[in-house]
Amino acid sequence: MKQTSTTKMPDISKAADDDAPKLTQADFDRARFRVGLKDASRAEWQAAVRARVVKLRINIMLDAPIVEHFKALAGDRGYQTLINDTLRRVIETGHLEADLRRLIREELHPS
């Protein structure tokens, strides 16, 4: 029979505070948002975090009225970003709808 280890491990549930200082709200209030080593606003930083998704360069044919619609809506933001965000929302909504339908079916007809 294999012998069980007898190594004593420290009880971390009773461990003393570590050496790291406690962070306060004041510390977070003094924080600087940076994107690409440049200072940024909170909104710019949040947009950069969301944009960390890998982007692929593709060619796609869209109907002219579709492109014009998104260009008119986008303003300074960029119509391609608006199209991308709209497609992402449709995908997320579709998943939500499918999940809700599955859950409702499971509740109505339990196994």
PDB file of N, CA and C in Angstrom:
ATOM      1  N   MET A   1       0.843  -1.170   0.000  1.00  0.00           N
ATOM      2  CA  MET A   1       0.000   0.000   0.000  1.00  0.00           C
ATOM      3  C   MET A   1       0.887   1.232   0.000  1.00  0.00           C
ATOM      4  N   LYS A   2       0.479   2.241  -0.771  1.00  0.00           N
ATOM      5  CA  LYS A   2       1.226   3.480  -0.897  1.00  0.00           C
ATOM      6  C   LYS A   2       1.042   4.326   0.361  1.00  0.00           C
ATOM      7  N   GLN A   3       2.162   4.882   0.881  1.00  0.00           N
ATOM      8  CA  GLN A   3       2.071   5.704   2.081  1.00  0.00           C
ATOM      9  C   GLN A   3       1.551   7.094   1.732  1.00  0.00           C
ATOM     10  N   THR A   4       0.669   7.625   2.567  1.00  0.00           N
ATOM     11  CA  THR A   4       0.115   8.955   2.379  1.00  0.00           C
ATOM     12  C   THR A   4       1.128   9.982   2.849  1.00  0.00           C
ATOM     13  N   SER A   5       1.197  11.096   2.153  1.00  0.00           N
ATOM     14  CA  SER A   5       2.118  12.169   2.526  1.00  0.00           C
ATOM     15  C   SER A   5       1.766  12.709   3.908  1.00  0.00           C
ATOM     16  N   THR A   6       2.802  13.062   4.648  1.00  0.00           N
ATOM     17  CA  THR A   6       2.595  13.635   5.980  1.00  0.00           C
ATOM     18  C   THR A   6       3.063  15.080   6.039  1.00  0.00           C
ATOM     19  N   THR A   7       3.232  15.696   4.873  1.00  0.00           N
ATOM     20  CA  THR A   7       3.682  17.082   4.837  1.00  0.00           C
ATOM     21  C   THR A   7       2.643  17.975   5.479  1.00  0.00           C
ATOM     22  N   LYS A   8       3.080  18.829   6.397  1.00  0.00           N
ATOM     23  CA  LYS A   8       2.161  19.749   7.066  1.00  0.00           C
ATOM     24  C   LYS A   8       2.006  20.987   6.191  1.00  0.00           C
ATOM     25  N   MET A   9       0.782  21.267   5.819  1.00  0.00           N
ATOM     26  CA  MET A   9       0.491  22.460   5.033  1.00  0.00           C
ATOM     27  C   MET A   9      -0.071  23.523   5.958  1.00  0.00           C
ATOM     28  N   PRO A  10       0.268  24.780   5.735  1.00  0.00           N
ATOM     29  CA  PRO A  10      -0.266  25.832   6.603  1.00  0.00           C
ATOM     30  C   PRO A  10      -1.778  25.950   6.434  1.00  0.00           C
ATOM     31  N   ASP A  11      -2.454  26.283   7.504  1.00  0.00           N
ATOM     32  CA  ASP A  11      -3.904  26.489   7.471  1.00  0.00           C
ATOM     33  C   ASP A  11      -4.161  27.909   6.973  1.00  0.00           C
ATOM     34  N   ILE A  12      -4.514  28.026   5.700  1.00  0.00           N
ATOM     35  CA  ILE A  12      -4.669  29.366   5.121  1.00  0.00           C
ATOM     36  C   ILE A  12      -5.937  30.058   5.595  1.00  0.00           C
ATOM     37  N   SER A  13      -6.855  29.314   6.185  1.00  0.00           N
ATOM     38  CA  SER A  13      -8.063  29.960   6.684  1.00  0.00           C
ATOM     39  C   SER A  13      -7.761  30.862   7.871  1.00  0.00           C
ATOM     40  N   LYS A  14      -6.627  30.642   8.525  1.00  0.00           N
ATOM     41  CA  LYS A  14      -6.249  31.451   9.676  1.00  0.00           C
ATOM     42  C   LYS A  14      -5.000  32.285   9.379  1.00  0.00           C
ATOM     43  N   ALA A  15      -4.670  32.436   8.106  1.00  0.00           N
ATOM     44  CA  ALA A  15      -3.449  33.145   7.728  1.00  0.00           C
ATOM     45  C   ALA A  15      -3.548  34.624   8.073  1.00  0.00           C
ATOM     46  N   ALA A  16      -2.405  35.187   8.431  1.00  0.00           N
ATOM     47  CA  ALA A  16      -2.343  36.620   8.730  1.00  0.00           C
ATOM     48  C   ALA A  16      -2.447  37.406   7.432  1.00  0.00           C
ATOM     49  N   ASP A  17      -2.707  38.694   7.563  1.00  0.00           N
ATOM     50  CA  ASP A  17      -2.774  39.553   6.384  1.00  0.00           C
ATOM     51  C   ASP A  17      -1.476  39.458   5.607  1.00  0.00           C
ATOM     52  N   ASP A  18      -1.584  39.555   4.283  1.00  0.00           N
ATOM     53  CA  ASP A  18      -0.362  39.525   3.490  1.00  0.00           C
ATOM     54  C   ASP A  18       0.297  40.894   3.494  1.00  0.00           C
ATOM     55  N   ASP A  19       1.390  41.007   2.775  1.00  0.00           N
ATOM     56  CA  ASP A  19       2.167  42.240   2.780  1.00  0.00           C
ATOM     57  C   ASP A  19       1.556  43.338   1.907  1.00  0.00           C
ATOM     58  N   ALA A  20       0.612  42.986   1.054  1.00  0.00           N
ATOM     59  CA  ALA A  20       0.030  43.983   0.160  1.00  0.00           C
ATOM     60  C   ALA A  20      -0.832  44.966   0.953  1.00  0.00           C
ATOM     61  N   PRO A  21      -0.703  46.256   0.641  1.00  0.00           N
ATOM     62  CA  PRO A  21      -1.526  47.236   1.363  1.00  0.00           C
ATOM     63  C   PRO A  21      -2.988  47.106   0.958  1.00  0.00           C
ATOM     64  N   LYS A  22      -3.880  47.438   1.861  1.00  0.00           N
ATOM     65  CA  LYS A  22      -5.304  47.426   1.554  1.00  0.00           C
ATOM     66  C   LYS A  22      -5.617  48.583   0.619  1.00  0.00           C
ATOM     67  N   LEU A  23      -6.397  48.322  -0.416  1.00  0.00           N
ATOM     68  CA  LEU A  23      -6.788  49.364  -1.352  1.00  0.00           C
ATOM     69  C   LEU A  23      -8.063  50.030  -0.855  1.00  0.00           C
ATOM     70  N   THR A  24      -8.101  51.335  -0.973  1.00  0.00           N
ATOM     71  CA  THR A  24      -9.269  52.097  -0.545  1.00  0.00           C
ATOM     72  C   THR A  24      -9.946  52.707  -1.765  1.00  0.00           C
ATOM     73  N   GLN A  25     -11.128  53.259  -1.559  1.00  0.00           N
ATOM     74  CA  GLN A  25     -11.826  53.932  -2.657  1.00  0.00           C
ATOM     75  C   GLN A  25     -10.993  55.093  -3.179  1.00  0.00           C
ATOM     76  N   ALA A  26     -10.270  55.758  -2.291  1.00  0.00           N
ATOM     77  CA  ALA A  26      -9.417  56.877  -2.711  1.00  0.00           C
ATOM     78  C   ALA A  26      -8.347  56.399  -3.694  1.00  0.00           C
ATOM     79  N   ASP A  27      -7.819  55.206  -3.466  1.00  0.00           N
ATOM     80  CA  ASP A  27      -6.827  54.647  -4.394  1.00  0.00           C
ATOM     81  C   ASP A  27      -7.439  54.465  -5.780  1.00  0.00           C
ATOM     82  N   PHE A  28      -8.656  53.933  -5.822  1.00  0.00           N
ATOM     83  CA  PHE A  28      -9.320  53.727  -7.111  1.00  0.00           C
ATOM     84  C   PHE A  28      -9.690  55.056  -7.764  1.00  0.00           C
ATOM     85  N   ASP A  29     -10.047  56.046  -6.952  1.00  0.00           N
ATOM     86  CA  ASP A  29     -10.383  57.361  -7.494  1.00  0.00           C
ATOM     87  C   ASP A  29      -9.178  58.028  -8.138  1.00  0.00           C
ATOM     88  N   ARG A  30      -7.986  57.727  -7.644  1.00  0.00           N
ATOM     89  CA  ARG A  30      -6.751  58.302  -8.201  1.00  0.00           C
ATOM     90  C   ARG A  30      -6.235  57.525  -9.411  1.00  0.00           C
ATOM     91  N   ALA A  31      -6.843  56.397  -9.709  1.00  0.00           N
ATOM     92  CA  ALA A  31      -6.366  55.550 -10.804  1.00  0.00           C
ATOM     93  C   ALA A  31      -6.438  56.295 -12.127  1.00  0.00           C
ATOM     94  N   ARG A  32      -5.476  55.998 -12.992  1.00  0.00           N
ATOM     95  CA  ARG A  32      -5.460  56.586 -14.335  1.00  0.00           C
ATOM     96  C   ARG A  32      -5.810  55.503 -15.333  1.00  0.00           C
ATOM     97  N   PHE A  33      -6.685  55.834 -16.253  1.00  0.00           N
ATOM     98  CA  PHE A  33      -7.030  54.909 -17.321  1.00  0.00           C
ATOM     99  C   PHE A  33      -6.048  55.141 -18.455  1.00  0.00           C
ATOM    100  N   ARG A  34      -5.489  54.036 -18.973  1.00  0.00           N
ATOM    101  CA  ARG A  34      -4.524  54.146 -20.056  1.00  0.00           C
ATOM    102  C   ARG A  34      -4.847  53.110 -21.123  1.00  0.00           C
ATOM    103  N   VAL A  35      -4.724  53.547 -22.370  1.00  0.00           N
ATOM    104  CA  VAL A  35      -4.920  52.664 -23.512  1.00  0.00           C
ATOM    105  C   VAL A  35      -3.696  52.834 -24.393  1.00  0.00           C
ATOM    106  N   GLY A  36      -2.990  51.744 -24.644  1.00  0.00           N
ATOM    107  CA  GLY A  36      -1.786  51.820 -25.469  1.00  0.00           C
ATOM    108  C   GLY A  36      -0.760  52.783 -24.900  1.00  0.00           C
ATOM    109  N   LEU A  37      -0.578  52.785 -23.592  1.00  0.00           N
ATOM    110  CA  LEU A  37       0.372  53.635 -22.863  1.00  0.00           C
ATOM    111  C   LEU A  37       0.039  55.119 -22.919  1.00  0.00           C
ATOM    112  N   LYS A  38      -1.175  55.457 -23.355  1.00  0.00           N
ATOM    113  CA  LYS A  38      -1.604  56.863 -23.393  1.00  0.00           C
ATOM    114  C   LYS A  38      -2.783  57.045 -22.446  1.00  0.00           C
ATOM    115  N   ASP A  39      -2.840  58.192 -21.778  1.00  0.00           N
ATOM    116  CA  ASP A  39      -3.968  58.480 -20.896  1.00  0.00           C
ATOM    117  C   ASP A  39      -5.263  58.471 -21.698  1.00  0.00           C
ATOM    118  N   ALA A  40      -6.328  57.952 -21.065  1.00  0.00           N
ATOM    119  CA  ALA A  40      -7.620  57.855 -21.738  1.00  0.00           C
ATOM    120  C   ALA A  40      -8.722  58.122 -20.720  1.00  0.00           C
ATOM    121  N   SER A  41      -9.881  58.503 -21.225  1.00  0.00           N
ATOM    122  CA  SER A  41     -11.038  58.676 -20.350  1.00  0.00           C
ATOM    123  C   SER A  41     -11.578  57.294 -19.981  1.00  0.00           C
ATOM    124  N   ARG A  42     -12.464  57.267 -18.992  1.00  0.00           N
ATOM    125  CA  ARG A  42     -13.078  55.994 -18.592  1.00  0.00           C
ATOM    126  C   ARG A  42     -13.807  55.370 -19.784  1.00  0.00           C
ATOM    127  N   ALA A  43     -14.534  56.196 -20.542  1.00  0.00           N
ATOM    128  CA  ALA A  43     -15.298  55.684 -21.688  1.00  0.00           C
ATOM    129  C   ALA A  43     -14.358  55.103 -22.746  1.00  0.00           C
ATOM    130  N   GLU A  44     -13.244  55.783 -23.009  1.00  0.00           N
ATOM    131  CA  GLU A  44     -12.276  55.273 -23.988  1.00  0.00           C
ATOM    132  C   GLU A  44     -11.674  53.956 -23.520  1.00  0.00           C
ATOM    133  N   TRP A  45     -11.372  53.875 -22.222  1.00  0.00           N
ATOM    134  CA  TRP A  45     -10.789  52.661 -21.666  1.00  0.00           C
ATOM    135  C   TRP A  45     -11.774  51.495 -21.769  1.00  0.00           C
ATOM    136  N   GLN A  46     -13.049  51.760 -21.409  1.00  0.00           N
ATOM    137  CA  GLN A  46     -14.058  50.709 -21.488  1.00  0.00           C
ATOM    138  C   GLN A  46     -14.244  50.238 -22.928  1.00  0.00           C
ATOM    139  N   ALA A  47     -14.244  51.176 -23.869  1.00  0.00           N
ATOM    140  CA  ALA A  47     -14.378  50.813 -25.278  1.00  0.00           C
ATOM    141  C   ALA A  47     -13.192  49.965 -25.732  1.00  0.00           C
ATOM    142  N   ALA A  48     -11.992  50.313 -25.267  1.00  0.00           N
ATOM    143  CA  ALA A  48     -10.798  49.551 -25.633  1.00  0.00           C
ATOM    144  C   ALA A  48     -10.853  48.138 -25.059  1.00  0.00           C
ATOM    145  N   VAL A  49     -11.345  48.006 -23.846  1.00  0.00           N
ATOM    146  CA  VAL A  49     -11.464  46.678 -23.235  1.00  0.00           C
ATOM    147  C   VAL A  49     -12.450  45.834 -24.029  1.00  0.00           C
ATOM    148  N   ARG A  50     -13.594  46.426 -24.387  1.00  0.00           N
ATOM    149  CA  ARG A  50     -14.590  45.688 -25.174  1.00  0.00           C
ATOM    150  C   ARG A  50     -14.057  45.335 -26.558  1.00  0.00           C
ATOM    151  N   ALA A  51     -13.187  46.173 -27.094  1.00  0.00           N
ATOM    152  CA  ALA A  51     -12.690  45.980 -28.458  1.00  0.00           C
ATOM    153  C   ALA A  51     -11.545  44.974 -28.541  1.00  0.00           C
ATOM    154  N   ARG A  52     -11.146  44.393 -27.428  1.00  0.00           N
ATOM    155  CA  ARG A  52     -10.022  43.453 -27.441  1.00  0.00           C
ATOM    156  C   ARG A  52     -10.371  42.139 -28.122  1.00  0.00           C
ATOM    157  N   VAL A  53     -11.522  42.083 -28.728  1.00  0.00           N
ATOM    158  CA  VAL A  53     -11.921  40.910 -29.486  1.00  0.00           C
ATOM    159  C   VAL A  53     -11.093  40.909 -30.769  1.00  0.00           C
ATOM    160  N   VAL A  54     -10.648  39.747 -31.185  1.00  0.00           N
ATOM    161  CA  VAL A  54      -9.858  39.646 -32.413  1.00  0.00           C
ATOM    162  C   VAL A  54     -10.722  40.053 -33.593  1.00  0.00           C
ATOM    163  N   LYS A  55     -10.207  40.944 -34.406  1.00  0.00           N
ATOM    164  CA  LYS A  55     -10.939  41.424 -35.572  1.00  0.00           C
ATOM    165  C   LYS A  55     -10.339  40.789 -36.825  1.00  0.00           C
ATOM    166  N   LEU A  56     -11.192  40.453 -37.758  1.00  0.00           N
ATOM    167  CA  LEU A  56     -10.762  39.901 -39.034  1.00  0.00           C
ATOM    168  C   LEU A  56     -11.102  40.882 -40.136  1.00  0.00           C
ATOM    169  N   ARG A  57     -10.195  41.057 -41.054  1.00  0.00           N
ATOM    170  CA  ARG A  57     -10.482  41.903 -42.207  1.00  0.00           C
ATOM    171  C   ARG A  57     -11.079  41.005 -43.285  1.00  0.00           C
ATOM    172  N   ILE A  58     -12.329  41.332 -43.671  1.00  0.00           N
ATOM    173  CA  ILE A  58     -13.017  40.568 -44.706  1.00  0.00           C
ATOM    174  C   ILE A  58     -13.666  41.532 -45.688  1.00  0.00           C
ATOM    175  N   ASN A  59     -14.015  41.013 -46.808  1.00  0.00           N
ATOM    176  CA  ASN A  59     -14.802  41.779 -47.777  1.00  0.00           C
ATOM    177  C   ASN A  59     -16.198  41.200 -47.782  1.00  0.00           C
ATOM    178  N   ILE A  60     -17.189  42.053 -47.705  1.00  0.00           N
ATOM    179  CA  ILE A  60     -18.575  41.608 -47.691  1.00  0.00           C
ATOM    180  C   ILE A  60     -19.389  42.582 -48.540  1.00  0.00           C
ATOM    181  N   MET A  61     -20.325  42.047 -49.275  1.00  0.00           N
ATOM    182  CA  MET A  61     -21.175  42.874 -50.117  1.00  0.00           C
ATOM    183  C   MET A  61     -22.475  43.155 -49.355  1.00  0.00           C
ATOM    184  N   LEU A  62     -22.778  44.437 -49.159  1.00  0.00           N
ATOM    185  CA  LEU A  62     -24.015  44.853 -48.504  1.00  0.00           C
ATOM    186  C   LEU A  62     -24.810  45.714 -49.471  1.00  0.00           C
ATOM    187  N   ASP A  63     -26.109  45.671 -49.337  1.00  0.00           N
ATOM    188  CA  ASP A  63     -26.956  46.521 -50.171  1.00  0.00           C
ATOM    189  C   ASP A  63     -26.680  47.986 -49.839  1.00  0.00           C
ATOM    190  N   ALA A  64     -26.691  48.828 -50.863  1.00  0.00           N
ATOM    191  CA  ALA A  64     -26.398  50.252 -50.678  1.00  0.00           C
ATOM    192  C   ALA A  64     -27.312  50.916 -49.645  1.00  0.00           C
ATOM    193  N   PRO A  65     -28.625  50.633 -49.636  1.00  0.00           N
ATOM    194  CA  PRO A  65     -29.480  51.273 -48.625  1.00  0.00           C
ATOM    195  C   PRO A  65     -29.083  50.884 -47.187  1.00  0.00           C
ATOM    196  N   ILE A  66     -28.587  49.667 -47.009  1.00  0.00           N
ATOM    197  CA  ILE A  66     -28.147  49.222 -45.679  1.00  0.00           C
ATOM    198  C   ILE A  66     -26.952  50.061 -45.231  1.00  0.00           C
ATOM    199  N   VAL A  67     -25.974  50.195 -46.113  1.00  0.00           N
ATOM    200  CA  VAL A  67     -24.768  50.966 -45.776  1.00  0.00           C
ATOM    201  C   VAL A  67     -25.137  52.423 -45.509  1.00  0.00           C
ATOM    202  N   GLU A  68     -25.975  53.004 -46.331  1.00  0.00           N
ATOM    203  CA  GLU A  68     -26.384  54.394 -46.145  1.00  0.00           C
ATOM    204  C   GLU A  68     -27.124  54.580 -44.824  1.00  0.00           C
ATOM    205  N   HIS A  69     -27.955  53.615 -44.468  1.00  0.00           N
ATOM    206  CA  HIS A  69     -28.678  53.686 -43.197  1.00  0.00           C
ATOM    207  C   HIS A  69     -27.696  53.738 -42.023  1.00  0.00           C
ATOM    208  N   PHE A  70     -26.718  52.845 -42.018  1.00  0.00           N
ATOM    209  CA  PHE A  70     -25.763  52.812 -40.913  1.00  0.00           C
ATOM    210  C   PHE A  70     -24.832  54.020 -40.927  1.00  0.00           C
ATOM    211  N   LYS A  71     -24.491  54.524 -42.105  1.00  0.00           N
ATOM    212  CA  LYS A  71     -23.679  55.742 -42.167  1.00  0.00           C
ATOM    213  C   LYS A  71     -24.437  56.921 -41.564  1.00  0.00           C
ATOM    214  N   ALA A  72     -25.740  57.002 -41.860  1.00  0.00           N
ATOM    215  CA  ALA A  72     -26.550  58.094 -41.319  1.00  0.00           C
ATOM    216  C   ALA A  72     -26.680  57.977 -39.795  1.00  0.00           C
ATOM    217  N   LEU A  73     -26.803  56.768 -39.288  1.00  0.00           N
ATOM    218  CA  LEU A  73     -26.923  56.559 -37.844  1.00  0.00           C
ATOM    219  C   LEU A  73     -25.613  56.792 -37.103  1.00  0.00           C
ATOM    220  N   ALA A  74     -24.501  56.461 -37.748  1.00  0.00           N
ATOM    221  CA  ALA A  74     -23.212  56.409 -37.053  1.00  0.00           C
ATOM    222  C   ALA A  74     -22.655  57.780 -36.698  1.00  0.00           C
ATOM    223  N   GLY A  75     -22.804  58.752 -37.555  1.00  0.00           N
ATOM    224  CA  GLY A  75     -22.200  60.056 -37.300  1.00  0.00           C
ATOM    225  C   GLY A  75     -20.690  59.929 -37.234  1.00  0.00           C
ATOM    226  N   ASP A  76     -20.086  60.400 -36.132  1.00  0.00           N
ATOM    227  CA  ASP A  76     -18.629  60.362 -35.985  1.00  0.00           C
ATOM    228  C   ASP A  76     -18.105  58.989 -35.579  1.00  0.00           C
ATOM    229  N   ARG A  77     -18.969  58.116 -35.155  1.00  0.00           N
ATOM    230  CA  ARG A  77     -18.547  56.846 -34.572  1.00  0.00           C
ATOM    231  C   ARG A  77     -17.945  55.887 -35.587  1.00  0.00           C
ATOM    232  N   GLY A  78     -18.418  55.884 -36.790  1.00  0.00           N
ATOM    233  CA  GLY A  78     -17.947  54.946 -37.802  1.00  0.00           C
ATOM    234  C   GLY A  78     -19.020  53.906 -38.080  1.00  0.00           C
ATOM    235  N   TYR A  79     -19.468  53.854 -39.305  1.00  0.00           N
ATOM    236  CA  TYR A  79     -20.597  52.988 -39.630  1.00  0.00           C
ATOM    237  C   TYR A  79     -20.246  51.507 -39.514  1.00  0.00           C
ATOM    238  N   GLN A  80     -18.989  51.126 -39.764  1.00  0.00           N
ATOM    239  CA  GLN A  80     -18.616  49.717 -39.663  1.00  0.00           C
ATOM    240  C   GLN A  80     -18.707  49.238 -38.214  1.00  0.00           C
ATOM    241  N   THR A  81     -18.320  50.100 -37.277  1.00  0.00           N
ATOM    242  CA  THR A  81     -18.445  49.759 -35.858  1.00  0.00           C
ATOM    243  C   THR A  81     -19.904  49.575 -35.493  1.00  0.00           C
ATOM    244  N   LEU A  82     -20.754  50.442 -36.006  1.00  0.00           N
ATOM    245  CA  LEU A  82     -22.179  50.344 -35.721  1.00  0.00           C
ATOM    246  C   LEU A  82     -22.775  49.059 -36.291  1.00  0.00           C
ATOM    247  N   ILE A  83     -22.381  48.694 -37.508  1.00  0.00           N
ATOM    248  CA  ILE A  83     -22.846  47.432 -38.095  1.00  0.00           C
ATOM    249  C   ILE A  83     -22.373  46.262 -37.230  1.00  0.00           C
ATOM    250  N   ASN A  84     -21.111  46.281 -36.813  1.00  0.00           N
ATOM    251  CA  ASN A  84     -20.550  45.217 -35.985  1.00  0.00           C
ATOM    252  C   ASN A  84     -21.296  45.098 -34.659  1.00  0.00           C
ATOM    253  N   ASP A  85     -21.540  46.231 -34.006  1.00  0.00           N
ATOM    254  CA  ASP A  85     -22.261  46.220 -32.729  1.00  0.00           C
ATOM    255  C   ASP A  85     -23.687  45.706 -32.899  1.00  0.00           C
ATOM    256  N   THR A  86     -24.326  46.089 -34.005  1.00  0.00           N
ATOM    257  CA  THR A  86     -25.693  45.631 -34.268  1.00  0.00           C
ATOM    258  C   THR A  86     -25.720  44.119 -34.484  1.00  0.00           C
ATOM    259  N   LEU A  87     -24.782  43.602 -35.247  1.00  0.00           N
ATOM    260  CA  LEU A  87     -24.719  42.154 -35.468  1.00  0.00           C
ATOM    261  C   LEU A  87     -24.441  41.419 -34.158  1.00  0.00           C
ATOM    262  N   ARG A  88     -23.558  41.961 -33.319  1.00  0.00           N
ATOM    263  CA  ARG A  88     -23.252  41.342 -32.022  1.00  0.00           C
ATOM    264  C   ARG A  88     -24.508  41.276 -31.150  1.00  0.00           C
ATOM    265  N   ARG A  89     -25.283  42.377 -31.123  1.00  0.00           N
ATOM    266  CA  ARG A  89     -26.512  42.397 -30.326  1.00  0.00           C
ATOM    267  C   ARG A  89     -27.519  41.359 -30.828  1.00  0.00           C
ATOM    268  N   VAL A  90     -27.631  41.221 -32.149  1.00  0.00           N
ATOM    269  CA  VAL A  90     -28.551  40.234 -32.718  1.00  0.00           C
ATOM    270  C   VAL A  90     -28.123  38.824 -32.305  1.00  0.00           C
ATOM    271  N   ILE A  91     -26.838  38.545 -32.347  1.00  0.00           N
ATOM    272  CA  ILE A  91     -26.341  37.224 -31.942  1.00  0.00           C
ATOM    273  C   ILE A  91     -26.632  36.978 -30.469  1.00  0.00           C
ATOM    274  N   GLU A  92     -26.325  37.961 -29.615  1.00  0.00           N
ATOM    275  CA  GLU A  92     -26.550  37.798 -28.177  1.00  0.00           C
ATOM    276  C   GLU A  92     -28.032  37.638 -27.873  1.00  0.00           C
ATOM    277  N   THR A  93     -28.881  38.399 -28.539  1.00  0.00           N
ATOM    278  CA  THR A  93     -30.321  38.302 -28.327  1.00  0.00           C
ATOM    279  C   THR A  93     -30.828  36.943 -28.771  1.00  0.00           C
ATOM    280  N   GLY A  94     -30.309  36.439 -29.877  1.00  0.00           N
ATOM    281  CA  GLY A  94     -30.711  35.113 -30.367  1.00  0.00           C
ATOM    282  C   GLY A  94     -30.372  34.032 -29.370  1.00  0.00           C
ATOM    283  N   HIS A  95     -29.178  34.125 -28.767  1.00  0.00           N
ATOM    284  CA  HIS A  95     -28.784  33.144 -27.757  1.00  0.00           C
ATOM    285  C   HIS A  95     -29.700  33.252 -26.548  1.00  0.00           C
ATOM    286  N   LEU A  96     -30.001  34.464 -26.129  1.00  0.00           N
ATOM    287  CA  LEU A  96     -30.871  34.671 -24.977  1.00  0.00           C
ATOM    288  C   LEU A  96     -32.248  34.083 -25.252  1.00  0.00           C
ATOM    289  N   GLU A  97     -32.769  34.372 -26.430  1.00  0.00           N
ATOM    290  CA  GLU A  97     -34.094  33.860 -26.782  1.00  0.00           C
ATOM    291  C   GLU A  97     -34.100  32.338 -26.804  1.00  0.00           C
ATOM    292  N   ALA A  98     -33.078  31.727 -27.393  1.00  0.00           N
ATOM    293  CA  ALA A  98     -33.006  30.267 -27.454  1.00  0.00           C
ATOM    294  C   ALA A  98     -32.901  29.669 -26.052  1.00  0.00           C
ATOM    295  N   ASP A  99     -32.109  30.286 -25.184  1.00  0.00           N
ATOM    296  CA  ASP A  99     -31.969  29.796 -23.806  1.00  0.00           C
ATOM    297  C   ASP A  99     -33.281  29.904 -23.050  1.00  0.00           C
ATOM    298  N   LEU A 100     -33.976  31.026 -23.216  1.00  0.00           N
ATOM    299  CA  LEU A 100     -35.263  31.197 -22.544  1.00  0.00           C
ATOM    300  C   LEU A 100     -36.278  30.162 -23.020  1.00  0.00           C
ATOM    301  N   ARG A 101     -36.315  29.943 -24.326  1.00  0.00           N
ATOM    302  CA  ARG A 101     -37.243  28.952 -24.866  1.00  0.00           C
ATOM    303  C   ARG A 101     -36.935  27.556 -24.304  1.00  0.00           C
ATOM    304  N   ARG A 102     -35.666  27.202 -24.240  1.00  0.00           N
ATOM    305  CA  ARG A 102     -35.276  25.900 -23.697  1.00  0.00           C
ATOM    306  C   ARG A 102     -35.690  25.769 -22.239  1.00  0.00           C
ATOM    307  N   LEU A 103     -35.433  26.815 -21.443  1.00  0.00           N
ATOM    308  CA  LEU A 103     -35.796  26.779 -20.027  1.00  0.00           C
ATOM    309  C   LEU A 103     -37.302  26.665 -19.827  1.00  0.00           C
ATOM    310  N   ILE A 104     -38.057  27.395 -20.626  1.00  0.00           N
ATOM    311  CA  ILE A 104     -39.517  27.329 -20.513  1.00  0.00           C
ATOM    312  C   ILE A 104     -40.002  25.926 -20.862  1.00  0.00           C
ATOM    313  N   ARG A 105     -39.451  25.340 -21.935  1.00  0.00           N
ATOM    314  CA  ARG A 105     -39.841  23.973 -22.304  1.00  0.00           C
ATOM    315  C   ARG A 105     -39.516  22.990 -21.186  1.00  0.00           C
ATOM    316  N   GLU A 106     -38.335  23.150 -20.575  1.00  0.00           N
ATOM    317  CA  GLU A 106     -37.935  22.257 -19.490  1.00  0.00           C
ATOM    318  C   GLU A 106     -38.869  22.391 -18.301  1.00  0.00           C
ATOM    319  N   GLU A 107     -39.304  23.613 -18.008  1.00  0.00           N
ATOM    320  CA  GLU A 107     -40.208  23.824 -16.879  1.00  0.00           C
ATOM    321  C   GLU A 107     -41.605  23.299 -17.164  1.00  0.00           C
ATOM    322  N   LEU A 108     -42.055  23.427 -18.407  1.00  0.00           N
ATOM    323  CA  LEU A 108     -43.382  22.949 -18.765  1.00  0.00           C
ATOM    324  C   LEU A 108     -43.441  21.429 -18.866  1.00  0.00           C
ATOM    325  N   HIS A 109     -42.357  20.839 -19.282  1.00  0.00           N
ATOM    326  CA  HIS A 109     -42.312  19.386 -19.492  1.00  0.00           C
ATOM    327  C   HIS A 109     -41.101  18.798 -18.770  1.00  0.00           C
ATOM    328  N   PRO A 110     -41.123  18.742 -17.441  1.00  0.00           N
ATOM    329  CA  PRO A 110     -39.965  18.197 -16.717  1.00  0.00           C
ATOM    330  C   PRO A 110     -39.779  16.712 -17.041  1.00  0.00           C
ATOM    331  N   SER A 111     -38.545  16.279 -17.043  1.00  0.00           N
ATOM    332  CA  SER A 111     -38.233  14.868 -17.366  1.00  0.00           C
ATOM    333  C   SER A 111     -38.608  13.943 -16.248  1.00  0.00           C
TER     334      SER A 111
END
